[in-house]
Structures are given as structure tokens and as C-alpha cells.
Amino acid sequence: MTKVTIKDTQNPTILKFEFEDFITQNESFEFKNIDEAKNSPLAQQLFYLPFVKTVYISGNFIAVEKFSIVEWVDVKDAVAEQIEAFVANGGTIITIEENKTKKQPITVYGETTPNPSALKFVVSRMLTKNAIEFKNIDQTAASPLAKELFKFSYVKEVFIDENYISVTKYEINNWDEITLELRTFIKQYIENGGPVLDESQIVSITKDESNKDTKFDSLDETSQKIINILEEYVKPAVQADGGNIAFDSYNENDKTVKVILQGACSGCPSSTFTLKSGIENMLKSMLNDEDIKVEAVNS
């Protein structure tokens, strides 16, 4: 018999009932009432319980939001048993559409980064030529994949570049608890044709890159040298760690170089050390100027 595990969430009115295997591929569902749940016989059955307010189905779990007429401690075991019995009797959790895109097998593996809160998931195919960072779900219009990742309660930030996805987590979970879930989700999502990025939304980003080239020509000579050093010597190493670095500004008066850190590098405890002992020393040496200082505008 299928066994489900009951897990708390950050919202005390919502409980997650987790399965050992994924029950959806690259989609998430939210049902507010029995009429909305026509393609989920299980959700329809749950709505017969008078305290069920909302049913969510995603990845390897079913989450249920309750009305305040009951406490979870009194009913959670009964809900778990009902879900288990439904599945054991051959009930359909969600109706899968037949016109799914043909699977494209890929490999996905996790790599640690210098930032203990960020993990880099490397994919065996190119995802994008533009580094894109998402700080919250409201920013994910350009990336359906990032939007789905933010539905995991522990995902804080998402960064996508070339052939990898860096995920920064909240402290509520350890990586050993969630790495397999994230890796499996990303793999199945991409294999089943889930869109990683919406190219029509990336146009503005591409234009920004073109504008950068125009701005480069208008910068002073020192700023241009700094950008070239960052691009050639620093960025490849930073990308290998699941992050990105971008030039922000250079102040000729106090010799301060400001940079923008993204992905695993943003908020990394060791980023200050890297900026000072690594990048700052490199710029001092290559520009032959001991007064150069490097600061991150978002560290």
C-alpha cells in the first residue's frame, strides 16, 4: 500500500502529504472547490471533507489547506489514510493530458558552491546565453521553470545561466533533505518539455546587453579595463561556482569599483573575502594601483 508522509509547512493551515515518487510531471495544480477539481478525482473526494478549503497537487505531494473549524492534530491522520486508501484502490490522482511533448532524456547533477545556502544543478544541455536572476516568484514571467521552483516553500532565489540552475534556499531545510527532490523535479520538468525560459520575455534582456556595449564605449579607460578583467579572469571562475559578477560603476575620486553579485555569489558568507583578497588584489596588480577598492552593491 502506498504510504504518505505528513509534513508541516510555514503556513499552519496547510499540511503536505508526500509520496515517495512524483505524482505530477512538470505541472502544479490548485483547486479551490469541487467544481474546479474535475481533472482530479482525488481532490474531488477530499472536498467532501467539510474542513477542506484548498487542494494543491505538485511534484511528489498533495497539500491541503483547511478552514479553522478543525485542528490538524485531530484530522491529519484520517486525511492521510483516505489518500492512501484512494491510491491503493486504483484511484486517479490527476488526469494527464495525452498531448505531452516527447521526452528528451537529460542528466542533472548537483554541485556544491562556496555559498552554503546555494546549490548548483548542472544540466546536460544549454539552457540560456543570458544570465538571469529571480529574487521572488513575481519576477518569473520570463521563466516558467523558475516559477515552479518558487512553489517549493524552501526556495528563496533562482539563478539560471548557460547549462545550470543555482537555487538558494531558506534555512528551514538542509540540503540533504531537499536535493533529491529538486534534482528530480528539474530533470523531469525539462525532459517532459517544460519551458525553462520564454524567449519572447528575454528580448528586453538581450536589448540590455546591446545597451551595455554602447555604454562601454562611453566609459573612461579605467572602467573599460576593469570590465575586461572581470569578463576574462573573474567571471569564468564565478560561473563555475554557480554565480555571476557584473560591473556596476567605478569612482575615479575614491578608486572604488562597485560590482553586482548574482546567483550563488549573492549573499555568500565568503563573498566579502573573495572580493577583497581575490578580485581586489587582482585589479590592484593588473591596473598597477594599490588604492583600488572593490565593493558589492548587493552583498
Protein backbone atom coordinates (compact mmCIF):
# COMPACT_ATOMS: atom_id res chain seq x y z
CA MET A 1 0.00 0.00 0.00
CA THR A 2 1.25 3.49 -0.90
CA LYS A 3 2.45 5.32 2.18
CA VAL A 4 2.24 9.10 2.50
CA THR A 5 4.30 11.20 4.88
CA ILE A 6 2.69 14.13 6.70
CA LYS A 7 4.80 17.29 6.77
CA ASP A 8 4.21 20.73 8.24
CA THR A 9 4.61 23.90 6.16
CA GLN A 10 5.33 27.51 7.04
CA ASN A 11 1.57 28.10 6.90
CA PRO A 12 -0.10 26.41 9.93
CA THR A 13 -3.36 25.93 8.00
CA ILE A 14 -1.61 23.88 5.26
CA LEU A 15 -0.22 20.36 5.56
CA LYS A 16 1.71 18.43 2.91
CA PHE A 17 1.05 14.75 2.26
CA GLU A 18 4.15 13.49 0.47
CA PHE A 19 4.55 10.42 -1.73
CA GLU A 20 7.79 8.51 -2.32
CA ASP A 21 7.50 9.13 -6.07
CA PHE A 22 6.40 12.11 -8.15
CA ILE A 23 2.67 12.22 -8.90
CA THR A 24 2.86 15.06 -11.48
CA GLN A 25 5.48 15.73 -14.12
CA ASN A 26 6.06 19.43 -14.78
CA GLU A 27 2.78 20.93 -13.64
CA SER A 28 1.23 22.21 -10.44
CA PHE A 29 -2.48 22.37 -9.70
CA GLU A 30 -4.58 24.41 -7.29
CA PHE A 31 -8.25 23.67 -6.65
CA LYS A 32 -10.50 25.96 -4.61
CA ASN A 33 -13.64 23.83 -4.80
CA ILE A 34 -15.03 20.56 -6.13
CA ASP A 35 -16.08 22.09 -9.47
CA GLU A 36 -12.53 23.26 -10.22
CA ALA A 37 -11.20 19.77 -9.47
CA LYS A 38 -12.77 17.99 -12.46
CA ASN A 39 -9.43 16.57 -13.62
CA SER A 40 -8.53 15.32 -10.13
CA PRO A 41 -10.85 12.65 -8.70
CA LEU A 42 -8.74 12.60 -5.53
CA ALA A 43 -9.13 16.35 -4.97
CA GLN A 44 -12.88 15.99 -5.56
CA GLN A 45 -13.07 13.34 -2.87
CA LEU A 46 -11.11 15.49 -0.42
CA PHE A 47 -13.57 18.36 -0.91
CA TYR A 48 -16.30 16.17 0.60
CA LEU A 49 -14.48 16.76 3.89
CA PRO A 50 -16.15 19.89 5.32
CA PHE A 51 -12.92 21.44 6.57
CA VAL A 52 -11.00 21.31 3.24
CA LYS A 53 -10.55 24.79 1.79
CA THR A 54 -7.93 24.32 -0.97
CA VAL A 55 -6.11 21.35 -2.52
CA TYR A 56 -2.67 21.74 -4.16
CA ILE A 57 -1.03 18.97 -6.23
CA SER A 58 2.61 19.36 -7.31
CA GLY A 59 5.74 17.26 -7.61
CA ASN A 60 5.53 14.44 -5.09
CA PHE A 61 2.92 15.89 -2.75
CA ILE A 62 -0.66 16.89 -2.13
CA ALA A 63 -1.07 19.93 0.10
CA VAL A 64 -4.36 20.64 1.84
CA GLU A 65 -5.42 23.97 3.30
CA LYS A 66 -8.10 23.73 6.00
CA PHE A 67 -10.78 26.02 7.35
CA SER A 68 -10.39 26.95 11.03
CA ILE A 69 -13.32 24.75 12.15
CA VAL A 70 -10.87 21.93 12.98
CA GLU A 71 -7.28 21.49 14.14
CA TRP A 72 -4.86 19.47 12.04
CA VAL A 73 -3.88 17.34 15.03
CA ASP A 74 -7.42 15.95 15.08
CA VAL A 75 -7.84 15.15 11.39
CA LYS A 76 -4.46 14.82 9.66
CA ASP A 77 -4.13 11.06 10.16
CA ALA A 78 -7.62 10.49 8.76
CA VAL A 79 -6.77 12.59 5.68
CA ALA A 80 -3.55 10.62 5.14
CA GLU A 81 -5.44 7.32 5.45
CA GLN A 82 -8.07 8.50 2.97
CA ILE A 83 -5.39 9.47 0.42
CA GLU A 84 -3.58 6.14 0.90
CA ALA A 85 -6.81 4.14 0.52
CA PHE A 86 -7.82 6.10 -2.59
CA VAL A 87 -4.50 5.34 -4.31
CA ALA A 88 -4.47 1.71 -3.14
CA ASN A 89 -7.88 1.20 -4.76
CA GLY A 90 -6.55 2.44 -8.09
CA GLY A 91 -8.00 5.94 -7.90
CA THR A 92 -6.73 8.63 -10.29
CA ILE A 93 -4.85 11.47 -8.62
CA ILE A 94 -4.71 13.73 -11.66
CA THR A 95 -5.81 13.24 -15.27
CA ILE A 96 -2.77 13.53 -17.53
CA GLU A 97 -3.19 15.15 -20.94
CA GLU A 98 -2.23 12.93 -23.85
CA ASN A 99 -0.51 15.57 -25.98
CA LYS A 100 2.63 15.81 -23.89
CA THR A 101 5.91 16.66 -25.61
CA LYS A 102 8.07 13.62 -26.25
CA LYS A 103 10.64 13.02 -23.55
CA GLN A 104 14.15 14.28 -24.18
CA PRO A 105 16.45 12.40 -21.79
CA ILE A 106 18.91 14.59 -19.91
CA THR A 107 21.14 14.31 -16.89
CA VAL A 108 21.06 16.68 -13.92
CA TYR A 109 23.50 16.64 -11.05
CA GLY A 110 24.07 18.86 -8.02
CA GLU A 111 27.29 20.73 -7.26
CA THR A 112 28.12 22.48 -4.02
CA THR A 113 29.07 26.15 -4.12
CA PRO A 114 31.05 28.38 -1.73
CA ASN A 115 27.67 29.61 -0.50
CA PRO A 116 26.21 27.00 1.90
CA SER A 117 22.70 28.28 1.12
CA ALA A 118 23.07 27.73 -2.65
CA LEU A 119 23.35 24.59 -4.76
CA LYS A 120 24.16 24.42 -8.47
CA PHE A 121 22.17 21.98 -10.62
CA VAL A 122 24.09 21.26 -13.82
CA VAL A 123 22.05 20.15 -16.86
CA SER A 124 23.45 18.19 -19.81
CA ARG A 125 22.26 20.78 -22.32
CA MET A 126 22.42 24.53 -22.84
CA LEU A 127 19.58 26.47 -21.20
CA THR A 128 20.35 30.12 -21.97
CA LYS A 129 23.02 32.53 -23.17
CA ASN A 130 21.85 35.24 -20.77
CA ALA A 131 22.38 35.07 -17.01
CA ILE A 132 19.00 35.66 -15.36
CA GLU A 133 18.30 36.03 -11.64
CA PHE A 134 14.93 35.76 -9.89
CA LYS A 135 14.57 37.04 -6.33
CA ASN A 136 10.92 36.02 -5.95
CA ILE A 137 8.03 34.42 -7.83
CA ASP A 138 6.72 37.82 -9.01
CA GLN A 139 9.82 38.24 -11.18
CA THR A 140 9.43 34.91 -13.04
CA ALA A 141 7.42 35.99 -16.10
CA ALA A 142 10.40 35.03 -18.27
CA SER A 143 10.89 31.59 -16.72
CA PRO A 144 8.10 29.06 -16.16
CA LEU A 145 10.68 26.75 -14.57
CA ALA A 146 11.73 29.37 -12.01
CA LYS A 147 8.06 29.98 -11.24
CA GLU A 148 7.55 26.28 -10.49
CA LEU A 149 10.69 26.16 -8.33
CA PHE A 150 9.42 29.02 -6.17
CA LYS A 151 6.39 26.87 -5.30
CA PHE A 152 8.72 24.80 -3.13
CA SER A 153 8.49 26.54 0.25
CA TYR A 154 12.25 26.38 0.85
CA VAL A 155 13.31 28.08 -2.42
CA LYS A 156 14.49 31.65 -1.80
CA GLU A 157 16.15 32.63 -5.12
CA VAL A 158 16.75 31.11 -8.55
CA PHE A 159 19.58 31.92 -10.96
CA ILE A 160 19.83 30.46 -14.49
CA ASP A 161 22.90 30.72 -16.71
CA GLU A 162 24.29 28.63 -19.58
CA ASN A 163 23.70 24.98 -18.57
CA TYR A 164 22.94 25.29 -14.86
CA ILE A 165 20.38 26.46 -12.34
CA SER A 166 21.51 27.79 -8.96
CA VAL A 167 18.93 27.52 -6.19
CA THR A 168 19.31 29.47 -2.96
CA LYS A 169 17.29 28.08 -0.06
CA TYR A 170 15.86 29.36 3.18
CA GLU A 171 17.31 27.91 6.40
CA ILE A 172 14.17 25.84 7.12
CA ASN A 173 15.63 22.80 5.33
CA ASN A 174 19.03 21.17 4.99
CA TRP A 175 20.30 20.27 1.52
CA ASP A 176 20.30 16.55 2.32
CA GLU A 177 16.53 16.79 2.83
CA ILE A 178 15.69 18.55 -0.44
CA THR A 179 18.46 17.99 -3.03
CA LEU A 180 16.98 14.79 -4.47
CA GLU A 181 13.51 16.37 -4.69
CA LEU A 182 14.84 19.42 -6.56
CA ARG A 183 17.13 17.43 -8.85
CA THR A 184 14.33 15.02 -9.76
CA PHE A 185 11.86 17.84 -10.34
CA ILE A 186 14.26 19.77 -12.63
CA LYS A 187 15.14 16.62 -14.58
CA GLN A 188 11.52 15.54 -15.10
CA TYR A 189 10.38 19.08 -15.88
CA ILE A 190 12.92 19.57 -18.67
CA GLU A 191 12.64 16.00 -20.00
CA ASN A 192 8.88 16.39 -20.38
CA GLY A 193 9.23 19.55 -22.44
CA GLY A 194 8.62 22.09 -19.71
CA PRO A 195 9.77 25.56 -20.84
CA VAL A 196 12.83 26.84 -18.98
CA LEU A 197 12.72 30.35 -20.42
CA ASP A 198 10.21 32.24 -22.53
CA GLU A 199 12.34 33.72 -25.30
CA SER A 200 9.78 36.44 -26.01
CA GLN A 201 10.37 37.71 -22.48
CA ILE A 202 14.14 37.57 -22.91
CA VAL A 203 14.16 40.19 -25.67
CA SER A 204 14.38 43.02 -23.17
CA ILE A 205 17.35 41.34 -21.53
CA THR A 206 19.09 40.98 -24.90
CA LYS A 207 18.47 44.66 -25.59
CA ASP A 208 20.03 45.47 -22.24
CA GLU A 209 23.13 43.55 -23.32
CA SER A 210 23.30 45.62 -26.51
CA ASN A 211 22.94 48.80 -24.48
CA LYS A 212 25.85 47.65 -22.32
CA ASP A 213 28.05 47.54 -25.41
CA THR A 214 27.05 51.09 -26.26
CA LYS A 215 27.68 52.25 -22.70
CA PHE A 216 31.07 50.52 -22.68
CA ASP A 217 32.33 52.80 -25.44
CA SER A 218 31.32 55.87 -23.44
CA LEU A 219 33.14 54.79 -20.25
CA ASP A 220 36.53 56.03 -19.13
CA GLU A 221 39.59 53.93 -19.93
CA THR A 222 39.99 52.54 -16.39
CA SER A 223 36.36 51.37 -16.26
CA GLN A 224 36.81 49.63 -19.60
CA LYS A 225 39.93 47.86 -18.33
CA ILE A 226 38.09 46.77 -15.18
CA ILE A 227 35.21 45.33 -17.23
CA ASN A 228 37.61 43.41 -19.46
CA ILE A 229 39.45 41.97 -16.45
CA LEU A 230 36.18 40.92 -14.79
CA GLU A 231 34.92 39.30 -18.02
CA GLU A 232 38.13 37.47 -18.86
CA TYR A 233 39.57 36.46 -15.49
CA VAL A 234 36.84 36.65 -12.84
CA LYS A 235 33.53 35.72 -14.46
CA PRO A 236 34.54 32.17 -15.57
CA ALA A 237 35.58 31.26 -12.01
CA VAL A 238 32.45 32.81 -10.54
CA GLN A 239 30.22 30.97 -13.03
CA ALA A 240 31.92 27.70 -12.09
CA ASP A 241 30.69 28.34 -8.55
CA GLY A 242 27.12 28.84 -9.71
CA GLY A 243 27.08 32.62 -9.74
CA ASN A 244 27.77 35.71 -11.80
CA ILE A 245 29.51 39.06 -11.42
CA ALA A 246 28.70 42.26 -13.29
CA PHE A 247 30.39 45.67 -13.34
CA ASP A 248 28.28 48.44 -11.81
CA SER A 249 30.49 51.53 -11.59
CA TYR A 250 33.95 52.97 -10.93
CA ASN A 251 34.55 56.13 -8.94
CA GLU A 252 37.77 57.86 -10.04
CA ASN A 253 37.87 60.02 -6.90
CA ASP A 254 38.00 57.28 -4.26
CA LYS A 255 39.10 54.46 -6.59
CA THR A 256 36.08 52.32 -5.64
CA VAL A 257 34.87 49.61 -8.01
CA LYS A 258 31.27 48.50 -7.43
CA VAL A 259 30.11 45.14 -8.73
CA ILE A 260 26.83 43.19 -8.71
CA LEU A 261 26.87 39.61 -7.42
CA GLN A 262 24.25 37.14 -8.62
CA GLY A 263 23.28 33.52 -8.10
CA ALA A 264 25.27 31.56 -5.54
CA CYS A 265 27.59 34.53 -5.03
CA SER A 266 24.80 36.81 -3.80
CA GLY A 267 24.67 36.68 -0.02
CA CYS A 268 27.51 34.17 0.17
CA PRO A 269 29.38 34.39 3.51
CA SER A 270 32.72 34.11 1.69
CA SER A 271 31.91 36.73 -0.95
CA THR A 272 33.48 39.57 1.06
CA PHE A 273 36.70 37.59 1.42
CA THR A 274 36.65 36.77 -2.31
CA LEU A 275 36.11 40.42 -3.25
CA LYS A 276 38.90 41.69 -1.01
CA SER A 277 41.59 39.01 -1.22
CA GLY A 278 40.86 37.84 -4.75
CA ILE A 279 39.25 40.35 -7.09
CA GLU A 280 40.55 43.49 -5.37
CA ASN A 281 44.14 42.22 -5.32
CA MET A 282 43.86 41.18 -8.97
CA LEU A 283 42.68 44.63 -10.02
CA LYS A 284 45.38 46.33 -7.94
CA SER A 285 48.03 44.23 -9.65
CA MET A 286 46.71 44.39 -13.21
CA LEU A 287 45.90 48.12 -13.03
CA ASN A 288 49.07 48.85 -11.06
CA ASP A 289 47.08 50.85 -8.48
CA GLU A 290 47.20 49.92 -4.77
CA ASP A 291 44.34 52.30 -3.94
CA ILE A 292 41.70 50.28 -5.80
CA LYS A 293 38.82 49.08 -3.60
CA VAL A 294 36.06 46.62 -4.57
CA GLU A 295 32.56 46.60 -3.10
CA ALA A 296 29.43 44.61 -3.90
CA VAL A 297 26.31 46.72 -4.17
CA ASN A 298 24.15 43.76 -3.10
CA SER A 299 26.35 41.74 -0.73
